[in-house]
Amino acid sequence: MNFDDVMLYGLDWELFVWDVIIFQLWQMVIADYGDSVAIACFLTFMCDKVLMVGRTIAGEKNLSKKSIIDNKFFI
């Protein structure tokens, strides 16, 4: 077993780059505000949480569909 497959199936770098891109996007959008770094960090965190919830819901639905087990047993 390779260590790259342990954390997020080797997608750690891509997710980190995604967070940096989202952070830079938010920082450019709200550049006129005084503390744009803190606001951009918070908005990046919220985007990451929304994507995590979406991945969880989609993963549970996919697992339920493939294993023919009801969704409520995965919670």
Foldseek 3Di string as FASTA:
>chain_A
DDPCCPPPHVCPVVVVVVLVVQLVVQCVVPVVDDPSNVVSVVVSVVVVVVVVVVVVVVVLVVVCVVVVNDSVVVD
